[in-house]
Amino acid sequence: QVQLVESGGGLVQPGGSLRLSCAASGSSFSGADASWYRQAPGKQREQVAFITSGSSTYYVDSVKGRFTISRDNAKNMLYLQMNGLKPEDTAVYYCHTRLRGINYWGPGTQVTVSS
C-alpha cells in the first residue's frame, strides 16, 4: 500500500503560478500511473492531468498549455506546475495512483485564485 500527501496549495492572483507536490510513502509508485484531480465547489471531481509509468502525459482541455504534470520516481514524488492561473482553477487538488487494483488518494490541498 501507499500513502499520499499533497502540498503547495495556497492563495494566488489570476495569472499567477503554483507548483503542487505529492509525496508517496509506504510503497513505491514508480511502476504505476498517477494523476492529479480537482474538485471545485458544487462540482464533480475531475481528472486534470495524468502521467503513465513511462512518463506519457494527458491533460484535460481546460488546462492544456498551462499545467505540466511530472514525476521523480527516484524520490517517489509527483508534481503539478500550474501557470497562468484563472479563478475557475479554484478547487481542492488531489493526487491519485492505483496499485494492484486499489485506488489511493491524498487528503487534498486547497488552491484559491482570486483578485
C-alpha atoms as a PDB file:
ATOM      1  CA  GLN A   1       0.000   0.000   0.000  1.00  0.00           C
ATOM      2  CA  VAL A   2       0.962   3.647  -0.384  1.00  0.00           C
ATOM      3  CA  GLN A   3       0.201   6.876   1.446  1.00  0.00           C
ATOM      4  CA  LEU A   4      -0.062  10.143  -0.493  1.00  0.00           C
ATOM      5  CA  VAL A   5       0.083  13.722   0.764  1.00  0.00           C
ATOM      6  CA  GLU A   6      -0.170  16.922  -1.280  1.00  0.00           C
ATOM      7  CA  SER A   7       1.474  20.267  -0.586  1.00  0.00           C
ATOM      8  CA  GLY A   8       1.989  23.625  -2.282  1.00  0.00           C
ATOM      9  CA  GLY A   9      -1.543  24.975  -2.434  1.00  0.00           C
ATOM     10  CA  GLY A  10      -2.443  28.496  -1.430  1.00  0.00           C
ATOM     11  CA  LEU A  11      -3.965  31.815  -2.446  1.00  0.00           C
ATOM     12  CA  VAL A  12      -2.723  33.383  -5.691  1.00  0.00           C
ATOM     13  CA  GLN A  13      -3.770  36.180  -8.031  1.00  0.00           C
ATOM     14  CA  PRO A  14      -5.112  35.474 -11.526  1.00  0.00           C
ATOM     15  CA  GLY A  15      -2.185  34.932 -13.876  1.00  0.00           C
ATOM     16  CA  GLY A  16      -0.003  33.630 -11.083  1.00  0.00           C
ATOM     17  CA  SER A  17       1.717  30.272 -10.680  1.00  0.00           C
ATOM     18  CA  LEU A  18       1.859  27.462  -8.152  1.00  0.00           C
ATOM     19  CA  ARG A  19       3.705  24.167  -8.001  1.00  0.00           C
ATOM     20  CA  LEU A  20       1.915  21.329  -6.248  1.00  0.00           C
ATOM     21  CA  SER A  21       3.804  18.338  -4.891  1.00  0.00           C
ATOM     22  CA  CYS A  22       2.619  14.881  -3.913  1.00  0.00           C
ATOM     23  CA  ALA A  23       4.834  12.721  -1.725  1.00  0.00           C
ATOM     24  CA  ALA A  24       4.293   8.974  -1.724  1.00  0.00           C
ATOM     25  CA  SER A  25       5.392   6.723   1.105  1.00  0.00           C
ATOM     26  CA  GLY A  26       4.938   3.136   2.222  1.00  0.00           C
ATOM     27  CA  SER A  27       5.379   1.721  -1.251  1.00  0.00           C
ATOM     28  CA  SER A  28       6.989   2.897  -4.479  1.00  0.00           C
ATOM     29  CA  PHE A  29       4.655   4.114  -7.216  1.00  0.00           C
ATOM     30  CA  SER A  30       7.340   4.184  -9.876  1.00  0.00           C
ATOM     31  CA  GLY A  31       5.669   1.348 -11.759  1.00  0.00           C
ATOM     32  CA  ALA A  32       2.191   2.863 -11.607  1.00  0.00           C
ATOM     33  CA  ASP A  33       0.283   5.550 -13.460  1.00  0.00           C
ATOM     34  CA  ALA A  34      -0.518   8.646 -11.392  1.00  0.00           C
ATOM     35  CA  SER A  35      -2.722  11.690 -11.757  1.00  0.00           C
ATOM     36  CA  TRP A  36      -3.978  14.975 -10.366  1.00  0.00           C
ATOM     37  CA  TYR A  37      -7.677  15.572  -9.804  1.00  0.00           C
ATOM     38  CA  ARG A  38      -9.520  18.645  -8.604  1.00  0.00           C
ATOM     39  CA  GLN A  39     -12.905  19.352  -7.112  1.00  0.00           C
ATOM     40  CA  ALA A  40     -14.357  22.855  -7.263  1.00  0.00           C
ATOM     41  CA  PRO A  41     -17.243  23.989  -5.044  1.00  0.00           C
ATOM     42  CA  GLY A  42     -20.512  22.491  -6.250  1.00  0.00           C
ATOM     43  CA  LYS A  43     -18.826  20.431  -8.965  1.00  0.00           C
ATOM     44  CA  GLN A  44     -17.820  16.816  -9.575  1.00  0.00           C
ATOM     45  CA  ARG A  45     -14.226  15.763  -9.086  1.00  0.00           C
ATOM     46  CA  GLU A  46     -12.387  15.835 -12.413  1.00  0.00           C
ATOM     47  CA  GLN A  47      -9.077  14.466 -13.610  1.00  0.00           C
ATOM     48  CA  VAL A  48      -6.913  17.341 -14.841  1.00  0.00           C
ATOM     49  CA  ALA A  49      -3.587  15.636 -15.561  1.00  0.00           C
ATOM     50  CA  PHE A  50      -2.368  12.062 -15.949  1.00  0.00           C
ATOM     51  CA  ILE A  51       1.088  10.536 -16.242  1.00  0.00           C
ATOM     52  CA  THR A  52       1.974   6.936 -17.031  1.00  0.00           C
ATOM     53  CA  SER A  53       4.782   4.923 -15.510  1.00  0.00           C
ATOM     54  CA  GLY A  54       6.659   5.665 -18.735  1.00  0.00           C
ATOM     55  CA  SER A  55       6.025   9.435 -18.376  1.00  0.00           C
ATOM     56  CA  SER A  56       3.466   9.831 -21.153  1.00  0.00           C
ATOM     57  CA  THR A  57       1.078  12.654 -20.189  1.00  0.00           C
ATOM     58  CA  TYR A  58      -2.543  13.695 -20.637  1.00  0.00           C
ATOM     59  CA  TYR A  59      -4.339  16.944 -19.775  1.00  0.00           C
ATOM     60  CA  VAL A  60      -7.942  17.988 -19.728  1.00  0.00           C
ATOM     61  CA  ASP A  61      -8.582  20.653 -22.376  1.00  0.00           C
ATOM     62  CA  SER A  62      -9.172  23.434 -19.859  1.00  0.00           C
ATOM     63  CA  VAL A  63      -5.597  23.234 -18.518  1.00  0.00           C
ATOM     64  CA  LYS A  64      -3.640  22.347 -21.667  1.00  0.00           C
ATOM     65  CA  GLY A  65      -0.757  24.721 -22.214  1.00  0.00           C
ATOM     66  CA  ARG A  66      -0.911  25.981 -18.638  1.00  0.00           C
ATOM     67  CA  PHE A  67      -0.336  22.921 -16.409  1.00  0.00           C
ATOM     68  CA  THR A  68       2.503  20.392 -16.513  1.00  0.00           C
ATOM     69  CA  ILE A  69       2.492  17.068 -14.683  1.00  0.00           C
ATOM     70  CA  SER A  70       5.796  15.380 -13.913  1.00  0.00           C
ATOM     71  CA  ARG A  71       7.241  12.728 -11.646  1.00  0.00           C
ATOM     72  CA  ASP A  72      10.517  11.879  -9.980  1.00  0.00           C
ATOM     73  CA  ASN A  73      10.461   8.138  -9.422  1.00  0.00           C
ATOM     74  CA  ALA A  74      13.747   8.144  -7.508  1.00  0.00           C
ATOM     75  CA  LYS A  75      12.163  10.480  -4.946  1.00  0.00           C
ATOM     76  CA  ASN A  76       8.674   8.929  -5.079  1.00  0.00           C
ATOM     77  CA  MET A  77       7.245  12.358  -5.952  1.00  0.00           C
ATOM     78  CA  LEU A  78       4.565  13.672  -8.281  1.00  0.00           C
ATOM     79  CA  TYR A  79       4.307  17.340  -9.301  1.00  0.00           C
ATOM     80  CA  LEU A  80       1.866  19.708 -10.962  1.00  0.00           C
ATOM     81  CA  GLN A  81       3.233  23.011 -12.238  1.00  0.00           C
ATOM     82  CA  MET A  82       0.347  25.445 -12.736  1.00  0.00           C
ATOM     83  CA  ASN A  83       0.900  28.650 -14.710  1.00  0.00           C
ATOM     84  CA  GLY A  84      -1.484  31.337 -15.889  1.00  0.00           C
ATOM     85  CA  LEU A  85      -3.946  30.505 -13.126  1.00  0.00           C
ATOM     86  CA  LYS A  86      -7.574  31.545 -13.522  1.00  0.00           C
ATOM     87  CA  PRO A  87     -10.345  31.959 -10.938  1.00  0.00           C
ATOM     88  CA  GLU A  88     -12.024  28.858 -12.379  1.00  0.00           C
ATOM     89  CA  ASP A  89      -8.977  26.816 -11.326  1.00  0.00           C
ATOM     90  CA  THR A  90     -10.027  27.316  -7.704  1.00  0.00           C
ATOM     91  CA  ALA A  91     -10.509  23.853  -6.204  1.00  0.00           C
ATOM     92  CA  VAL A  92      -9.127  21.263  -3.851  1.00  0.00           C
ATOM     93  CA  TYR A  93      -6.423  19.367  -5.728  1.00  0.00           C
ATOM     94  CA  TYR A  94      -5.789  15.667  -5.074  1.00  0.00           C
ATOM     95  CA  CYS A  95      -3.087  13.277  -6.223  1.00  0.00           C
ATOM     96  CA  HIS A  96      -4.042   9.726  -7.089  1.00  0.00           C
ATOM     97  CA  THR A  97      -2.484   6.407  -8.003  1.00  0.00           C
ATOM     98  CA  ARG A  98      -3.616   2.807  -8.328  1.00  0.00           C
ATOM     99  CA  LEU A  99      -1.537  -0.146  -7.207  1.00  0.00           C
ATOM    100  CA  ARG A 100      -2.631  -3.770  -7.517  1.00  0.00           C
ATOM    101  CA  GLY A 101      -6.183  -2.711  -8.278  1.00  0.00           C
ATOM    102  CA  ILE A 102      -6.527  -0.418  -5.248  1.00  0.00           C
ATOM    103  CA  ASN A 103      -7.063   3.342  -5.548  1.00  0.00           C
ATOM    104  CA  TYR A 104      -5.073   5.687  -3.313  1.00  0.00           C
ATOM    105  CA  TRP A 105      -5.836   9.368  -2.701  1.00  0.00           C
ATOM    106  CA  GLY A 106      -4.142  12.161  -0.825  1.00  0.00           C
ATOM    107  CA  PRO A 107      -6.188  14.368   1.524  1.00  0.00           C
ATOM    108  CA  GLY A 108      -6.031  17.292  -0.915  1.00  0.00           C
ATOM    109  CA  THR A 109      -4.601  20.797  -0.956  1.00  0.00           C
ATOM    110  CA  GLN A 110      -6.620  23.987  -1.496  1.00  0.00           C
ATOM    111  CA  VAL A 111      -5.834  26.251  -4.443  1.00  0.00           C
ATOM    112  CA  THR A 112      -7.634  29.596  -4.483  1.00  0.00           C
ATOM    113  CA  VAL A 113      -7.220  32.009  -7.411  1.00  0.00           C
ATOM    114  CA  SER A 114      -8.761  35.356  -6.580  1.00  0.00           C
ATOM    115  CA  SER A 115      -8.422  39.015  -7.475  1.00  0.00           C
END
